[in-house]
Amino acid sequence: MIALRKSEERGHANYGWLDTRHTFSFADYYDTRHMHFGALRVINEDFVAPGAGFPTHPHRDMEIVTYILQGALAHRDSMGNGSMIRPGEVQRMSAGTGVTHSEYNASDQEPVHLLQIWIMPEFKGLRPGYEQKEFTAVEKRGRLRVVASPDGREGSVTIHQEALIYATLLEPGESVTHALAPERRAYVHVARGKASVNGEPLAAGDGARISDETAVSIIADASAEVLLFDLN
């Protein structure tokens, strides 16, 4: 079974410095039909204006994964981490018992375009943690590259949940297939371009919930960047 989540149906807010779209209920956007999908709690697509950003704020008991599509994001947190996140890099912050952090557009001229993803952890009260790793375009070209997993497989960042995040870059006509184990489900988010997922056409910002299927097939209808979440 596949259920589509069209881009224009997502929650939307524009604060001037931030133009944001919410796949699931978040902040002032609340829809009981779209609270989460398995452990996947948040996919926010953010466009942050030059020089602007999120001032220091708290989180707890959440696995927060940041995926940059364009520009650069400056990060600082209460664990002592200070970093720049650029396209191809994935950051994982385990909020656990509590952290504070800030995120700012590193440029005073260009916007930054990013996906912020929240995964609910398997257990609460974990020790806060941080990771940041690069996954080159070559690694993602024409294949599903695991970028987050519960065991850090293939050099992915480690999340505290039985969930996996894959990323792929596809040229028109290229395809990838992901097998789903029994009782597993998947969410597919098209970050850029166009792709058909199990025969359903999706454009940038669109998503699809997939359950009771044995596999997920993604075929690029145009150059595309796609994330796939394998969930329990």
C-alpha atoms as a PDB file:
ATOM      1  CA  MET A   1       0.000   0.000   0.000  1.00  0.00           C
ATOM      2  CA  ILE A   2       1.244   3.482  -0.834  1.00  0.00           C
ATOM      3  CA  ALA A   3      -0.169   6.772   0.456  1.00  0.00           C
ATOM      4  CA  LEU A   4       1.081   9.995  -1.113  1.00  0.00           C
ATOM      5  CA  ARG A   5       1.939  13.168   0.783  1.00  0.00           C
ATOM      6  CA  LYS A   6       1.998  15.992  -1.773  1.00  0.00           C
ATOM      7  CA  SER A   7       4.283  18.948  -1.191  1.00  0.00           C
ATOM      8  CA  GLU A   8       1.517  21.541  -1.304  1.00  0.00           C
ATOM      9  CA  GLU A   9      -0.444  19.672   1.376  1.00  0.00           C
ATOM     10  CA  ARG A  10       2.330  20.030   3.959  1.00  0.00           C
ATOM     11  CA  GLY A  11       2.180  22.526   6.785  1.00  0.00           C
ATOM     12  CA  HIS A  12       3.747  25.865   5.789  1.00  0.00           C
ATOM     13  CA  ALA A  13       4.974  28.942   7.595  1.00  0.00           C
ATOM     14  CA  ASN A  14       6.965  31.937   6.379  1.00  0.00           C
ATOM     15  CA  TYR A  15       8.575  34.151   9.012  1.00  0.00           C
ATOM     16  CA  GLY A  16      10.605  36.211   6.568  1.00  0.00           C
ATOM     17  CA  TRP A  17      13.936  34.839   7.742  1.00  0.00           C
ATOM     18  CA  LEU A  18      12.601  31.252   7.566  1.00  0.00           C
ATOM     19  CA  ASP A  19      10.385  29.638   4.928  1.00  0.00           C
ATOM     20  CA  THR A  20       9.487  26.177   6.229  1.00  0.00           C
ATOM     21  CA  ARG A  21       7.330  23.216   5.230  1.00  0.00           C
ATOM     22  CA  HIS A  22       6.331  20.417   7.595  1.00  0.00           C
ATOM     23  CA  THR A  23       5.580  16.867   6.465  1.00  0.00           C
ATOM     24  CA  PHE A  24       4.336  16.029   9.972  1.00  0.00           C
ATOM     25  CA  SER A  25       2.680  18.117  12.690  1.00  0.00           C
ATOM     26  CA  PHE A  26       5.169  20.635  14.048  1.00  0.00           C
ATOM     27  CA  ALA A  27       5.025  23.977  15.888  1.00  0.00           C
ATOM     28  CA  ASP A  28       1.785  25.759  14.894  1.00  0.00           C
ATOM     29  CA  TYR A  29       0.919  23.138  12.274  1.00  0.00           C
ATOM     30  CA  TYR A  30      -1.204  20.369  13.774  1.00  0.00           C
ATOM     31  CA  ASP A  31      -2.960  17.605  11.858  1.00  0.00           C
ATOM     32  CA  THR A  32      -3.966  14.388  13.594  1.00  0.00           C
ATOM     33  CA  ARG A  33      -3.647  12.551  10.252  1.00  0.00           C
ATOM     34  CA  HIS A  34       0.030  13.459  10.040  1.00  0.00           C
ATOM     35  CA  MET A  35       1.647  13.094  13.471  1.00  0.00           C
ATOM     36  CA  HIS A  36       4.420  10.632  12.622  1.00  0.00           C
ATOM     37  CA  PHE A  37       5.086   7.470  10.629  1.00  0.00           C
ATOM     38  CA  GLY A  38       6.570   4.791  12.823  1.00  0.00           C
ATOM     39  CA  ALA A  39       9.558   6.376  14.563  1.00  0.00           C
ATOM     40  CA  LEU A  40       9.800   9.117  11.913  1.00  0.00           C
ATOM     41  CA  ARG A  41       8.486  12.213  13.689  1.00  0.00           C
ATOM     42  CA  VAL A  42       9.641  15.223  11.636  1.00  0.00           C
ATOM     43  CA  ILE A  43      10.725  16.107   8.121  1.00  0.00           C
ATOM     44  CA  ASN A  44      11.014  19.888   7.919  1.00  0.00           C
ATOM     45  CA  GLU A  45      12.182  21.503   4.703  1.00  0.00           C
ATOM     46  CA  ASP A  46      13.754  24.829   5.682  1.00  0.00           C
ATOM     47  CA  PHE A  47      14.975  27.790   3.644  1.00  0.00           C
ATOM     48  CA  VAL A  48      16.931  30.096   5.972  1.00  0.00           C
ATOM     49  CA  ALA A  49      17.710  33.624   4.820  1.00  0.00           C
ATOM     50  CA  PRO A  50      21.310  34.904   4.663  1.00  0.00           C
ATOM     51  CA  GLY A  51      22.724  35.680   8.099  1.00  0.00           C
ATOM     52  CA  ALA A  52      19.612  34.389   9.883  1.00  0.00           C
ATOM     53  CA  GLY A  53      18.984  31.275  11.915  1.00  0.00           C
ATOM     54  CA  PHE A  54      17.681  29.536  14.988  1.00  0.00           C
ATOM     55  CA  PRO A  55      18.996  31.029  18.255  1.00  0.00           C
ATOM     56  CA  THR A  56      19.961  28.745  21.124  1.00  0.00           C
ATOM     57  CA  HIS A  57      17.057  26.468  22.063  1.00  0.00           C
ATOM     58  CA  PRO A  58      16.623  23.145  23.905  1.00  0.00           C
ATOM     59  CA  HIS A  59      15.811  19.589  22.802  1.00  0.00           C
ATOM     60  CA  ARG A  60      15.532  16.279  24.609  1.00  0.00           C
ATOM     61  CA  ASP A  61      14.777  12.629  23.805  1.00  0.00           C
ATOM     62  CA  MET A  62      15.025  12.942  20.034  1.00  0.00           C
ATOM     63  CA  GLU A  63      17.454  11.857  17.311  1.00  0.00           C
ATOM     64  CA  ILE A  64      17.924  14.944  15.126  1.00  0.00           C
ATOM     65  CA  VAL A  65      19.423  14.457  11.664  1.00  0.00           C
ATOM     66  CA  THR A  66      20.304  17.450   9.475  1.00  0.00           C
ATOM     67  CA  TYR A  67      20.713  17.007   5.710  1.00  0.00           C
ATOM     68  CA  ILE A  68      21.946  20.018   3.730  1.00  0.00           C
ATOM     69  CA  LEU A  69      20.759  20.511   0.146  1.00  0.00           C
ATOM     70  CA  GLN A  70      22.305  23.916  -0.595  1.00  0.00           C
ATOM     71  CA  GLY A  71      24.451  26.416   1.273  1.00  0.00           C
ATOM     72  CA  ALA A  72      26.039  25.901   4.681  1.00  0.00           C
ATOM     73  CA  LEU A  73      24.707  25.779   8.237  1.00  0.00           C
ATOM     74  CA  ALA A  74      26.733  26.841  11.279  1.00  0.00           C
ATOM     75  CA  HIS A  75      26.047  24.708  14.373  1.00  0.00           C
ATOM     76  CA  ARG A  76      26.945  25.183  18.040  1.00  0.00           C
ATOM     77  CA  ASP A  77      25.708  23.177  21.016  1.00  0.00           C
ATOM     78  CA  SER A  78      26.013  22.729  24.765  1.00  0.00           C
ATOM     79  CA  MET A  79      28.193  19.623  24.267  1.00  0.00           C
ATOM     80  CA  GLY A  80      30.946  21.909  22.990  1.00  0.00           C
ATOM     81  CA  ASN A  81      30.527  21.149  19.288  1.00  0.00           C
ATOM     82  CA  GLY A  82      30.941  23.874  16.713  1.00  0.00           C
ATOM     83  CA  SER A  83      30.785  22.927  13.062  1.00  0.00           C
ATOM     84  CA  MET A  84      29.813  23.874   9.529  1.00  0.00           C
ATOM     85  CA  ILE A  85      27.445  21.507   7.701  1.00  0.00           C
ATOM     86  CA  ARG A  86      27.549  21.542   3.905  1.00  0.00           C
ATOM     87  CA  PRO A  87      25.871  19.598   1.077  1.00  0.00           C
ATOM     88  CA  GLY A  88      26.901  15.954   1.245  1.00  0.00           C
ATOM     89  CA  GLU A  89      27.345  16.078   5.011  1.00  0.00           C
ATOM     90  CA  VAL A  90      24.922  14.569   7.510  1.00  0.00           C
ATOM     91  CA  GLN A  91      24.783  15.623  11.143  1.00  0.00           C
ATOM     92  CA  ARG A  92      23.273  13.526  13.924  1.00  0.00           C
ATOM     93  CA  MET A  93      22.564  15.010  17.317  1.00  0.00           C
ATOM     94  CA  SER A  94      21.103  12.784  20.022  1.00  0.00           C
ATOM     95  CA  ALA A  95      19.298  15.121  22.390  1.00  0.00           C
ATOM     96  CA  GLY A  96      18.827  12.469  25.090  1.00  0.00           C
ATOM     97  CA  THR A  97      18.647  13.929  28.583  1.00  0.00           C
ATOM     98  CA  GLY A  98      18.841  17.427  27.125  1.00  0.00           C
ATOM     99  CA  VAL A  99      20.957  19.704  24.928  1.00  0.00           C
ATOM    100  CA  THR A 100      20.796  23.254  23.675  1.00  0.00           C
ATOM    101  CA  HIS A 101      22.010  24.323  20.259  1.00  0.00           C
ATOM    102  CA  SER A 102      21.880  27.080  17.675  1.00  0.00           C
ATOM    103  CA  GLU A 103      21.862  26.877  13.869  1.00  0.00           C
ATOM    104  CA  TYR A 104      22.605  29.801  11.577  1.00  0.00           C
ATOM    105  CA  ASN A 105      23.025  30.325   7.871  1.00  0.00           C
ATOM    106  CA  ALA A 106      26.781  30.575   7.481  1.00  0.00           C
ATOM    107  CA  SER A 107      26.448  33.011   4.550  1.00  0.00           C
ATOM    108  CA  ASP A 108      25.335  36.623   4.609  1.00  0.00           C
ATOM    109  CA  GLN A 109      24.555  36.469   0.883  1.00  0.00           C
ATOM    110  CA  GLU A 110      23.011  33.099   0.007  1.00  0.00           C
ATOM    111  CA  PRO A 111      20.121  31.180   1.597  1.00  0.00           C
ATOM    112  CA  VAL A 112      20.638  27.726   3.053  1.00  0.00           C
ATOM    113  CA  HIS A 113      18.247  24.905   2.088  1.00  0.00           C
ATOM    114  CA  LEU A 114      18.068  21.929   4.424  1.00  0.00           C
ATOM    115  CA  LEU A 115      16.015  19.041   5.716  1.00  0.00           C
ATOM    116  CA  GLN A 116      15.757  18.602   9.453  1.00  0.00           C
ATOM    117  CA  ILE A 117      14.664  15.095  10.400  1.00  0.00           C
ATOM    118  CA  TRP A 118      13.590  13.872  13.817  1.00  0.00           C
ATOM    119  CA  ILE A 119      13.571  10.191  14.738  1.00  0.00           C
ATOM    120  CA  MET A 120      12.028   9.130  18.049  1.00  0.00           C
ATOM    121  CA  PRO A 121      14.659   7.139  19.965  1.00  0.00           C
ATOM    122  CA  GLU A 122      14.092   3.594  21.154  1.00  0.00           C
ATOM    123  CA  PHE A 123      14.749   4.676  24.745  1.00  0.00           C
ATOM    124  CA  LYS A 124      14.428   7.959  26.626  1.00  0.00           C
ATOM    125  CA  GLY A 125      17.077   9.418  28.887  1.00  0.00           C
ATOM    126  CA  LEU A 126      20.046   8.589  26.653  1.00  0.00           C
ATOM    127  CA  ARG A 127      23.356  10.374  26.961  1.00  0.00           C
ATOM    128  CA  PRO A 128      23.497  13.259  24.457  1.00  0.00           C
ATOM    129  CA  GLY A 129      25.790  12.691  21.470  1.00  0.00           C
ATOM    130  CA  TYR A 130      26.931  14.181  18.189  1.00  0.00           C
ATOM    131  CA  GLU A 131      28.248  12.983  14.831  1.00  0.00           C
ATOM    132  CA  GLN A 132      28.892  14.559  11.449  1.00  0.00           C
ATOM    133  CA  LYS A 133      29.983  12.668   8.332  1.00  0.00           C
ATOM    134  CA  GLU A 134      30.356  13.306   4.619  1.00  0.00           C
ATOM    135  CA  PHE A 135      28.741  11.178   1.921  1.00  0.00           C
ATOM    136  CA  THR A 136      30.002  12.153  -1.517  1.00  0.00           C
ATOM    137  CA  ALA A 137      27.861  12.413  -4.640  1.00  0.00           C
ATOM    138  CA  VAL A 138      29.798   9.476  -6.077  1.00  0.00           C
ATOM    139  CA  GLU A 139      28.710   7.292  -3.147  1.00  0.00           C
ATOM    140  CA  LYS A 140      25.038   8.164  -3.734  1.00  0.00           C
ATOM    141  CA  ARG A 141      25.016   8.165  -7.527  1.00  0.00           C
ATOM    142  CA  GLY A 142      22.716   5.457  -8.866  1.00  0.00           C
ATOM    143  CA  ARG A 143      22.513   3.589  -5.550  1.00  0.00           C
ATOM    144  CA  LEU A 144      20.936   3.821  -2.128  1.00  0.00           C
ATOM    145  CA  ARG A 145      23.665   4.923   0.268  1.00  0.00           C
ATOM    146  CA  VAL A 146      22.897   4.343   3.942  1.00  0.00           C
ATOM    147  CA  VAL A 147      23.614   7.596   5.803  1.00  0.00           C
ATOM    148  CA  ALA A 148      22.083   6.764   9.212  1.00  0.00           C
ATOM    149  CA  SER A 149      21.575   3.415  10.947  1.00  0.00           C
ATOM    150  CA  PRO A 150      21.341   1.886  14.440  1.00  0.00           C
ATOM    151  CA  ASP A 151      24.768   0.263  14.143  1.00  0.00           C
ATOM    152  CA  GLY A 152      26.763   2.783  12.093  1.00  0.00           C
ATOM    153  CA  ARG A 153      26.996   0.356   9.181  1.00  0.00           C
ATOM    154  CA  GLU A 154      29.100   1.357   6.161  1.00  0.00           C
ATOM    155  CA  GLY A 155      30.302   4.448   7.998  1.00  0.00           C
ATOM    156  CA  SER A 156      26.829   5.936   8.490  1.00  0.00           C
ATOM    157  CA  VAL A 157      25.949   8.100  11.480  1.00  0.00           C
ATOM    158  CA  THR A 158      24.463   6.136  14.388  1.00  0.00           C
ATOM    159  CA  ILE A 159      20.897   6.704  15.559  1.00  0.00           C
ATOM    160  CA  HIS A 160      19.320   5.136  18.629  1.00  0.00           C
ATOM    161  CA  GLN A 161      16.426   3.504  16.846  1.00  0.00           C
ATOM    162  CA  GLU A 162      15.853   0.504  14.553  1.00  0.00           C
ATOM    163  CA  ALA A 163      15.570   2.800  11.552  1.00  0.00           C
ATOM    164  CA  LEU A 164      17.734   3.404   8.512  1.00  0.00           C
ATOM    165  CA  ILE A 165      18.023   6.462   6.285  1.00  0.00           C
ATOM    166  CA  TYR A 166      19.244   6.076   2.696  1.00  0.00           C
ATOM    167  CA  ALA A 167      20.071   8.789   0.154  1.00  0.00           C
ATOM    168  CA  THR A 168      20.377   8.483  -3.615  1.00  0.00           C
ATOM    169  CA  LEU A 169      21.149  10.682  -6.614  1.00  0.00           C
ATOM    170  CA  LEU A 170      19.519   9.511  -9.832  1.00  0.00           C
ATOM    171  CA  GLU A 171      19.674  10.647 -13.432  1.00  0.00           C
ATOM    172  CA  PRO A 172      16.577  10.398 -15.674  1.00  0.00           C
ATOM    173  CA  GLY A 173      15.673   6.751 -16.219  1.00  0.00           C
ATOM    174  CA  GLU A 174      17.941   5.445 -13.441  1.00  0.00           C
ATOM    175  CA  SER A 175      16.330   3.282 -10.792  1.00  0.00           C
ATOM    176  CA  VAL A 176      17.015   1.729  -7.402  1.00  0.00           C
ATOM    177  CA  THR A 177      15.102  -0.919  -5.474  1.00  0.00           C
ATOM    178  CA  HIS A 178      15.046  -1.490  -1.739  1.00  0.00           C
ATOM    179  CA  ALA A 179      13.739  -4.743  -0.251  1.00  0.00           C
ATOM    180  CA  LEU A 180      11.536  -4.424   2.828  1.00  0.00           C
ATOM    181  CA  ALA A 181      11.730  -7.102   5.495  1.00  0.00           C
ATOM    182  CA  PRO A 182       8.450  -8.471   6.887  1.00  0.00           C
ATOM    183  CA  GLU A 183       6.733  -6.024   9.255  1.00  0.00           C
ATOM    184  CA  ARG A 184       8.906  -3.152   7.998  1.00  0.00           C
ATOM    185  CA  ARG A 185       7.602  -0.031   6.266  1.00  0.00           C
ATOM    186  CA  ALA A 186       9.171   2.822   4.370  1.00  0.00           C
ATOM    187  CA  TYR A 187       8.821   6.543   3.831  1.00  0.00           C
ATOM    188  CA  VAL A 188      10.217   8.138   0.678  1.00  0.00           C
ATOM    189  CA  HIS A 189      10.876  11.888   0.417  1.00  0.00           C
ATOM    190  CA  VAL A 190      11.833  13.497  -2.893  1.00  0.00           C
ATOM    191  CA  ALA A 191      14.226  16.288  -1.936  1.00  0.00           C
ATOM    192  CA  ARG A 192      14.827  17.517  -5.487  1.00  0.00           C
ATOM    193  CA  GLY A 193      13.681  16.605  -8.978  1.00  0.00           C
ATOM    194  CA  LYS A 194      11.056  14.051  -9.940  1.00  0.00           C
ATOM    195  CA  ALA A 195      10.780  10.313  -9.365  1.00  0.00           C
ATOM    196  CA  SER A 196       8.199   7.550  -9.515  1.00  0.00           C
ATOM    197  CA  VAL A 197       7.872   5.459  -6.355  1.00  0.00           C
ATOM    198  CA  ASN A 198       6.228   2.063  -6.847  1.00  0.00           C
ATOM    199  CA  GLY A 199       4.671   3.520  -9.978  1.00  0.00           C
ATOM    200  CA  GLU A 200       3.412   6.749  -8.376  1.00  0.00           C
ATOM    201  CA  PRO A 201       4.916  10.012  -9.738  1.00  0.00           C
ATOM    202  CA  LEU A 202       6.373  12.362  -7.122  1.00  0.00           C
ATOM    203  CA  ALA A 203       7.904  15.835  -7.456  1.00  0.00           C
ATOM    204  CA  ALA A 204      10.223  17.798  -5.180  1.00  0.00           C
ATOM    205  CA  GLY A 205       8.786  17.996  -1.666  1.00  0.00           C
ATOM    206  CA  ASP A 206       6.424  15.079  -2.188  1.00  0.00           C
ATOM    207  CA  GLY A 207       6.542  11.998   0.000  1.00  0.00           C
ATOM    208  CA  ALA A 208       5.056   8.520   0.172  1.00  0.00           C
ATOM    209  CA  ARG A 209       4.169   6.186   3.031  1.00  0.00           C
ATOM    210  CA  ILE A 210       4.708   2.562   2.037  1.00  0.00           C
ATOM    211  CA  SER A 211       3.444  -0.378   4.057  1.00  0.00           C
ATOM    212  CA  ASP A 212       2.530  -4.016   3.437  1.00  0.00           C
ATOM    213  CA  GLU A 213       4.945  -4.139   0.490  1.00  0.00           C
ATOM    214  CA  THR A 214       8.001  -6.306  -0.092  1.00  0.00           C
ATOM    215  CA  ALA A 215      10.042  -3.666  -1.928  1.00  0.00           C
ATOM    216  CA  VAL A 216      10.322   0.012  -2.791  1.00  0.00           C
ATOM    217  CA  SER A 217      11.168   0.910  -6.389  1.00  0.00           C
ATOM    218  CA  ILE A 218      12.345   4.431  -7.235  1.00  0.00           C
ATOM    219  CA  ILE A 219      12.745   5.518 -10.872  1.00  0.00           C
ATOM    220  CA  ALA A 220      13.943   9.025 -11.712  1.00  0.00           C
ATOM    221  CA  ASP A 221      11.693  10.947 -14.100  1.00  0.00           C
ATOM    222  CA  ALA A 222      14.205  13.819 -14.001  1.00  0.00           C
ATOM    223  CA  SER A 223      17.468  14.307 -12.123  1.00  0.00           C
ATOM    224  CA  ALA A 224      16.492  13.600  -8.533  1.00  0.00           C
ATOM    225  CA  GLU A 225      17.778  13.452  -4.962  1.00  0.00           C
ATOM    226  CA  VAL A 226      15.706  11.117  -2.813  1.00  0.00           C
ATOM    227  CA  LEU A 227      15.714   9.982   0.813  1.00  0.00           C
ATOM    228  CA  LEU A 228      14.306   6.601   1.855  1.00  0.00           C
ATOM    229  CA  PHE A 229      13.492   5.723   5.473  1.00  0.00           C
ATOM    230  CA  ASP A 230      13.274   2.030   6.413  1.00  0.00           C
ATOM    231  CA  LEU A 231      11.175   1.874   9.590  1.00  0.00           C
ATOM    232  CA  ASN A 232       9.786  -0.661  12.031  1.00  0.00           C
END
